[in-house]
Amino acid sequence: MSELFAKRLRAYRKLKQMTQYEFAQALGVSVAIVGGLERGTRTPDPGLIRKIETILQVTSADLGLE
C-alpha cells in the first residue's frame, strides 16, 4: 500500500481522536493490522476500506487511493 495512504490513514484516525486500539476495535481487526496499515506494510481489502471510510467519515480519494 502507498506511503500516502498510510500517512493519511494515521492523520485521519488522530483527527477523530482514536487510539490504534479503539480504531482496531471499531474495524473488527487487531491492533497489529492497524499498525501495519499505518506503516504501509499491509494492504486493506475492499471491505476493510469501506469500514475505514465509514468510521473516519472520509472517501477513498481522501485516503489517497484514487
PDB file of N, CA and C in Angstrom:
ATOM      1  N   MET A   1       0.862  -1.176   0.000  1.00  0.00           N
ATOM      2  CA  MET A   1       0.000   0.000   0.000  1.00  0.00           C
ATOM      3  C   MET A   1       0.899   1.226   0.000  1.00  0.00           C
ATOM      4  N   SER A   2       0.390   2.302  -0.518  1.00  0.00           N
ATOM      5  CA  SER A   2       1.196   3.508  -0.679  1.00  0.00           C
ATOM      6  C   SER A   2       1.504   4.180   0.654  1.00  0.00           C
ATOM      7  N   GLU A   3       2.617   4.876   0.652  1.00  0.00           N
ATOM      8  CA  GLU A   3       3.015   5.652   1.823  1.00  0.00           C
ATOM      9  C   GLU A   3       1.996   6.763   2.076  1.00  0.00           C
ATOM     10  N   LEU A   4       1.435   7.311   0.996  1.00  0.00           N
ATOM     11  CA  LEU A   4       0.426   8.363   1.123  1.00  0.00           C
ATOM     12  C   LEU A   4      -0.795   7.848   1.890  1.00  0.00           C
ATOM     13  N   PHE A   5      -1.276   6.653   1.531  1.00  0.00           N
ATOM     14  CA  PHE A   5      -2.412   6.062   2.240  1.00  0.00           C
ATOM     15  C   PHE A   5      -2.082   5.893   3.715  1.00  0.00           C
ATOM     16  N   ALA A   6      -0.918   5.355   4.009  1.00  0.00           N
ATOM     17  CA  ALA A   6      -0.518   5.104   5.398  1.00  0.00           C
ATOM     18  C   ALA A   6      -0.503   6.398   6.210  1.00  0.00           C
ATOM     19  N   LYS A   7       0.087   7.442   5.652  1.00  0.00           N
ATOM     20  CA  LYS A   7       0.167   8.724   6.359  1.00  0.00           C
ATOM     21  C   LYS A   7      -1.211   9.337   6.564  1.00  0.00           C
ATOM     22  N   ARG A   8      -2.036   9.268   5.530  1.00  0.00           N
ATOM     23  CA  ARG A   8      -3.375   9.863   5.636  1.00  0.00           C
ATOM     24  C   ARG A   8      -4.260   9.076   6.598  1.00  0.00           C
ATOM     25  N   LEU A   9      -4.150   7.761   6.572  1.00  0.00           N
ATOM     26  CA  LEU A   9      -4.936   6.944   7.489  1.00  0.00           C
ATOM     27  C   LEU A   9      -4.620   7.329   8.934  1.00  0.00           C
ATOM     28  N   ARG A  10      -3.349   7.415   9.243  1.00  0.00           N
ATOM     29  CA  ARG A  10      -2.937   7.787  10.603  1.00  0.00           C
ATOM     30  C   ARG A  10      -3.438   9.191  10.961  1.00  0.00           C
ATOM     31  N   ALA A  11      -3.301  10.122  10.027  1.00  0.00           N
ATOM     32  CA  ALA A  11      -3.722  11.506  10.283  1.00  0.00           C
ATOM     33  C   ALA A  11      -5.227  11.589  10.532  1.00  0.00           C
ATOM     34  N   TYR A  12      -6.020  10.913   9.704  1.00  0.00           N
ATOM     35  CA  TYR A  12      -7.476  10.958   9.885  1.00  0.00           C
ATOM     36  C   TYR A  12      -7.899  10.249  11.171  1.00  0.00           C
ATOM     37  N   ARG A  13      -7.212   9.169  11.521  1.00  0.00           N
ATOM     38  CA  ARG A  13      -7.526   8.483  12.785  1.00  0.00           C
ATOM     39  C   ARG A  13      -7.268   9.422  13.959  1.00  0.00           C
ATOM     40  N   LYS A  14      -6.142  10.122  13.917  1.00  0.00           N
ATOM     41  CA  LYS A  14      -5.807  11.047  15.001  1.00  0.00           C
ATOM     42  C   LYS A  14      -6.776  12.228  15.052  1.00  0.00           C
ATOM     43  N   LEU A  15      -7.241  12.683  13.884  1.00  0.00           N
ATOM     44  CA  LEU A  15      -8.237  13.758  13.867  1.00  0.00           C
ATOM     45  C   LEU A  15      -9.518  13.342  14.592  1.00  0.00           C
ATOM     46  N   LYS A  16      -9.841  12.066  14.509  1.00  0.00           N
ATOM     47  CA  LYS A  16     -11.018  11.536  15.205  1.00  0.00           C
ATOM     48  C   LYS A  16     -10.703  11.235  16.672  1.00  0.00           C
ATOM     49  N   GLN A  17      -9.471  11.514  17.068  1.00  0.00           N
ATOM     50  CA  GLN A  17      -9.003  11.287  18.439  1.00  0.00           C
ATOM     51  C   GLN A  17      -9.205   9.835  18.868  1.00  0.00           C
ATOM     52  N   MET A  18      -8.862   8.922  17.955  1.00  0.00           N
ATOM     53  CA  MET A  18      -8.958   7.493  18.244  1.00  0.00           C
ATOM     54  C   MET A  18      -7.560   6.921  18.405  1.00  0.00           C
ATOM     55  N   THR A  19      -7.395   6.048  19.376  1.00  0.00           N
ATOM     56  CA  THR A  19      -6.141   5.313  19.502  1.00  0.00           C
ATOM     57  C   THR A  19      -6.147   4.195  18.464  1.00  0.00           C
ATOM     58  N   GLN A  20      -4.991   3.583  18.246  1.00  0.00           N
ATOM     59  CA  GLN A  20      -4.954   2.435  17.342  1.00  0.00           C
ATOM     60  C   GLN A  20      -5.854   1.324  17.877  1.00  0.00           C
ATOM     61  N   TYR A  21      -5.870   1.164  19.186  1.00  0.00           N
ATOM     62  CA  TYR A  21      -6.709   0.129  19.797  1.00  0.00           C
ATOM     63  C   TYR A  21      -8.192   0.398  19.525  1.00  0.00           C
ATOM     64  N   GLU A  22      -8.628   1.625  19.749  1.00  0.00           N
ATOM     65  CA  GLU A  22     -10.034   1.977  19.519  1.00  0.00           C
ATOM     66  C   GLU A  22     -10.410   1.804  18.051  1.00  0.00           C
ATOM     67  N   PHE A  23      -9.511   2.209  17.166  1.00  0.00           N
ATOM     68  CA  PHE A  23      -9.751   2.085  15.731  1.00  0.00           C
ATOM     69  C   PHE A  23      -9.833   0.614  15.334  1.00  0.00           C
ATOM     70  N   ALA A  24      -8.918  -0.190  15.862  1.00  0.00           N
ATOM     71  CA  ALA A  24      -8.923  -1.625  15.579  1.00  0.00           C
ATOM     72  C   ALA A  24     -10.227  -2.263  16.048  1.00  0.00           C
ATOM     73  N   GLN A  25     -10.688  -1.889  17.240  1.00  0.00           N
ATOM     74  CA  GLN A  25     -11.947  -2.419  17.766  1.00  0.00           C
ATOM     75  C   GLN A  25     -13.112  -2.052  16.848  1.00  0.00           C
ATOM     76  N   ALA A  26     -13.148  -0.806  16.398  1.00  0.00           N
ATOM     77  CA  ALA A  26     -14.220  -0.346  15.512  1.00  0.00           C
ATOM     78  C   ALA A  26     -14.200  -1.091  14.178  1.00  0.00           C
ATOM     79  N   LEU A  27     -12.999  -1.398  13.693  1.00  0.00           N
ATOM     80  CA  LEU A  27     -12.857  -2.103  12.416  1.00  0.00           C
ATOM     81  C   LEU A  27     -13.065  -3.608  12.553  1.00  0.00           C
ATOM     82  N   GLY A  28     -12.913  -4.122  13.764  1.00  0.00           N
ATOM     83  CA  GLY A  28     -13.009  -5.562  13.967  1.00  0.00           C
ATOM     84  C   GLY A  28     -11.745  -6.294  13.572  1.00  0.00           C
ATOM     85  N   VAL A  29     -10.601  -5.622  13.731  1.00  0.00           N
ATOM     86  CA  VAL A  29      -9.305  -6.223  13.411  1.00  0.00           C
ATOM     87  C   VAL A  29      -8.369  -6.040  14.604  1.00  0.00           C
ATOM     88  N   SER A  30      -7.173  -6.605  14.512  1.00  0.00           N
ATOM     89  CA  SER A  30      -6.199  -6.462  15.594  1.00  0.00           C
ATOM     90  C   SER A  30      -5.448  -5.140  15.474  1.00  0.00           C
ATOM     91  N   VAL A  31      -4.842  -4.740  16.580  1.00  0.00           N
ATOM     92  CA  VAL A  31      -4.015  -3.532  16.592  1.00  0.00           C
ATOM     93  C   VAL A  31      -2.835  -3.710  15.636  1.00  0.00           C
ATOM     94  N   ALA A  32      -2.330  -4.932  15.512  1.00  0.00           N
ATOM     95  CA  ALA A  32      -1.210  -5.202  14.606  1.00  0.00           C
ATOM     96  C   ALA A  32      -1.588  -4.881  13.159  1.00  0.00           C
ATOM     97  N   ILE A  33      -2.811  -5.168  12.779  1.00  0.00           N
ATOM     98  CA  ILE A  33      -3.258  -4.862  11.416  1.00  0.00           C
ATOM     99  C   ILE A  33      -3.329  -3.356  11.216  1.00  0.00           C
ATOM    100  N   VAL A  34      -3.890  -2.638  12.183  1.00  0.00           N
ATOM    101  CA  VAL A  34      -3.947  -1.172  12.080  1.00  0.00           C
ATOM    102  C   VAL A  34      -2.535  -0.613  11.986  1.00  0.00           C
ATOM    103  N   GLY A  35      -1.625  -1.111  12.809  1.00  0.00           N
ATOM    104  CA  GLY A  35      -0.239  -0.656  12.756  1.00  0.00           C
ATOM    105  C   GLY A  35       0.387  -0.913  11.398  1.00  0.00           C
ATOM    106  N   GLY A  36       0.118  -2.082  10.836  1.00  0.00           N
ATOM    107  CA  GLY A  36       0.642  -2.410   9.514  1.00  0.00           C
ATOM    108  C   GLY A  36       0.085  -1.507   8.431  1.00  0.00           C
ATOM    109  N   LEU A  37      -1.188  -1.187   8.530  1.00  0.00           N
ATOM    110  CA  LEU A  37      -1.801  -0.266   7.565  1.00  0.00           C
ATOM    111  C   LEU A  37      -1.154   1.108   7.662  1.00  0.00           C
ATOM    112  N   GLU A  38      -0.899   1.557   8.891  1.00  0.00           N
ATOM    113  CA  GLU A  38      -0.328   2.890   9.093  1.00  0.00           C
ATOM    114  C   GLU A  38       1.163   2.948   8.762  1.00  0.00           C
ATOM    115  N   ARG A  39       1.817   1.799   8.721  1.00  0.00           N
ATOM    116  CA  ARG A  39       3.227   1.752   8.302  1.00  0.00           C
ATOM    117  C   ARG A  39       3.359   1.485   6.805  1.00  0.00           C
ATOM    118  N   GLY A  40       2.256   1.085   6.192  1.00  0.00           N
ATOM    119  CA  GLY A  40       2.282   0.786   4.765  1.00  0.00           C
ATOM    120  C   GLY A  40       2.755  -0.616   4.451  1.00  0.00           C
ATOM    121  N   THR A  41       2.766  -1.508   5.454  1.00  0.00           N
ATOM    122  CA  THR A  41       3.215  -2.880   5.233  1.00  0.00           C
ATOM    123  C   THR A  41       2.060  -3.852   5.021  1.00  0.00           C
ATOM    124  N   ARG A  42       0.828  -3.378   5.197  1.00  0.00           N
ATOM    125  CA  ARG A  42      -0.366  -4.194   4.958  1.00  0.00           C
ATOM    126  C   ARG A  42      -1.269  -3.487   3.964  1.00  0.00           C
ATOM    127  N   THR A  43      -1.968  -4.287   3.171  1.00  0.00           N
ATOM    128  CA  THR A  43      -2.906  -3.754   2.186  1.00  0.00           C
ATOM    129  C   THR A  43      -4.326  -4.117   2.606  1.00  0.00           C
ATOM    130  N   PRO A  44      -5.201  -3.124   2.747  1.00  0.00           N
ATOM    131  CA  PRO A  44      -6.578  -3.430   3.144  1.00  0.00           C
ATOM    132  C   PRO A  44      -7.382  -3.995   1.982  1.00  0.00           C
ATOM    133  N   ASP A  45      -8.279  -4.932   2.291  1.00  0.00           N
ATOM    134  CA  ASP A  45      -9.168  -5.434   1.246  1.00  0.00           C
ATOM    135  C   ASP A  45     -10.307  -4.429   1.061  1.00  0.00           C
ATOM    136  N   PRO A  46     -11.071  -4.555  -0.021  1.00  0.00           N
ATOM    137  CA  PRO A  46     -12.143  -3.581  -0.289  1.00  0.00           C
ATOM    138  C   PRO A  46     -13.142  -3.426   0.859  1.00  0.00           C
ATOM    139  N   GLY A  47     -13.466  -4.518   1.540  1.00  0.00           N
ATOM    140  CA  GLY A  47     -14.399  -4.435   2.660  1.00  0.00           C
ATOM    141  C   GLY A  47     -13.843  -3.610   3.811  1.00  0.00           C
ATOM    142  N   LEU A  48     -12.554  -3.766   4.082  1.00  0.00           N
ATOM    143  CA  LEU A  48     -11.919  -3.000   5.154  1.00  0.00           C
ATOM    144  C   LEU A  48     -11.828  -1.527   4.773  1.00  0.00           C
ATOM    145  N   ILE A  49     -11.579  -1.252   3.507  1.00  0.00           N
ATOM    146  CA  ILE A  49     -11.533   0.142   3.049  1.00  0.00           C
ATOM    147  C   ILE A  49     -12.887   0.811   3.283  1.00  0.00           C
ATOM    148  N   ARG A  50     -13.972   0.104   2.977  1.00  0.00           N
ATOM    149  CA  ARG A  50     -15.313   0.668   3.208  1.00  0.00           C
ATOM    150  C   ARG A  50     -15.549   0.953   4.689  1.00  0.00           C
ATOM    151  N   LYS A  51     -15.097   0.045   5.559  1.00  0.00           N
ATOM    152  CA  LYS A  51     -15.240   0.267   7.004  1.00  0.00           C
ATOM    153  C   LYS A  51     -14.435   1.488   7.445  1.00  0.00           C
ATOM    154  N   ILE A  52     -13.216   1.613   6.924  1.00  0.00           N
ATOM    155  CA  ILE A  52     -12.363   2.759   7.260  1.00  0.00           C
ATOM    156  C   ILE A  52     -13.049   4.050   6.843  1.00  0.00           C
ATOM    157  N   GLU A  53     -13.584   4.070   5.622  1.00  0.00           N
ATOM    158  CA  GLU A  53     -14.279   5.265   5.121  1.00  0.00           C
ATOM    159  C   GLU A  53     -15.448   5.640   6.027  1.00  0.00           C
ATOM    160  N   THR A  54     -16.209   4.650   6.449  1.00  0.00           N
ATOM    161  CA  THR A  54     -17.379   4.900   7.298  1.00  0.00           C
ATOM    162  C   THR A  54     -16.967   5.415   8.673  1.00  0.00           C
ATOM    163  N   ILE A  55     -16.023   4.758   9.303  1.00  0.00           N
ATOM    164  CA  ILE A  55     -15.613   5.132  10.661  1.00  0.00           C
ATOM    165  C   ILE A  55     -14.955   6.507  10.689  1.00  0.00           C
ATOM    166  N   LEU A  56     -14.082   6.768   9.714  1.00  0.00           N
ATOM    167  CA  LEU A  56     -13.361   8.046   9.703  1.00  0.00           C
ATOM    168  C   LEU A  56     -14.122   9.140   8.954  1.00  0.00           C
ATOM    169  N   GLN A  57     -15.222   8.764   8.303  1.00  0.00           N
ATOM    170  CA  GLN A  57     -16.034   9.708   7.525  1.00  0.00           C
ATOM    171  C   GLN A  57     -15.194  10.403   6.452  1.00  0.00           C
ATOM    172  N   VAL A  58     -14.513   9.572   5.661  1.00  0.00           N
ATOM    173  CA  VAL A  58     -13.676  10.048   4.561  1.00  0.00           C
ATOM    174  C   VAL A  58     -13.985   9.223   3.318  1.00  0.00           C
ATOM    175  N   THR A  59     -13.442   9.649   2.190  1.00  0.00           N
ATOM    176  CA  THR A  59     -13.586   8.902   0.941  1.00  0.00           C
ATOM    177  C   THR A  59     -12.265   8.227   0.597  1.00  0.00           C
ATOM    178  N   SER A  60     -12.305   7.339  -0.379  1.00  0.00           N
ATOM    179  CA  SER A  60     -11.076   6.704  -0.859  1.00  0.00           C
ATOM    180  C   SER A  60     -10.095   7.751  -1.363  1.00  0.00           C
ATOM    181  N   ALA A  61     -10.624   8.777  -2.017  1.00  0.00           N
ATOM    182  CA  ALA A  61      -9.763   9.851  -2.522  1.00  0.00           C
ATOM    183  C   ALA A  61      -9.082  10.585  -1.369  1.00  0.00           C
ATOM    184  N   ASP A  62      -9.822  10.818  -0.280  1.00  0.00           N
ATOM    185  CA  ASP A  62      -9.227  11.465   0.891  1.00  0.00           C
ATOM    186  C   ASP A  62      -8.041  10.657   1.416  1.00  0.00           C
ATOM    187  N   LEU A  63      -8.145   9.338   1.306  1.00  0.00           N
ATOM    188  CA  LEU A  63      -7.100   8.448   1.806  1.00  0.00           C
ATOM    189  C   LEU A  63      -5.973   8.236   0.797  1.00  0.00           C
ATOM    190  N   GLY A  64      -6.093   8.848  -0.372  1.00  0.00           N
ATOM    191  CA  GLY A  64      -5.047   8.718  -1.387  1.00  0.00           C
ATOM    192  C   GLY A  64      -5.141   7.453  -2.206  1.00  0.00           C
ATOM    193  N   LEU A  65      -6.328   6.865  -2.273  1.00  0.00           N
ATOM    194  CA  LEU A  65      -6.500   5.609  -3.004  1.00  0.00           C
ATOM    195  C   LEU A  65      -6.989   5.803  -4.430  1.00  0.00           C
ATOM    196  N   GLU A  66      -7.284   7.026  -4.827  1.00  0.00           N
ATOM    197  CA  GLU A  66      -7.762   7.258  -6.201  1.00  0.00           C
ATOM    198  C   GLU A  66      -6.880   8.249  -6.902  1.00  0.00           C
TER     199      GLU A  66
END
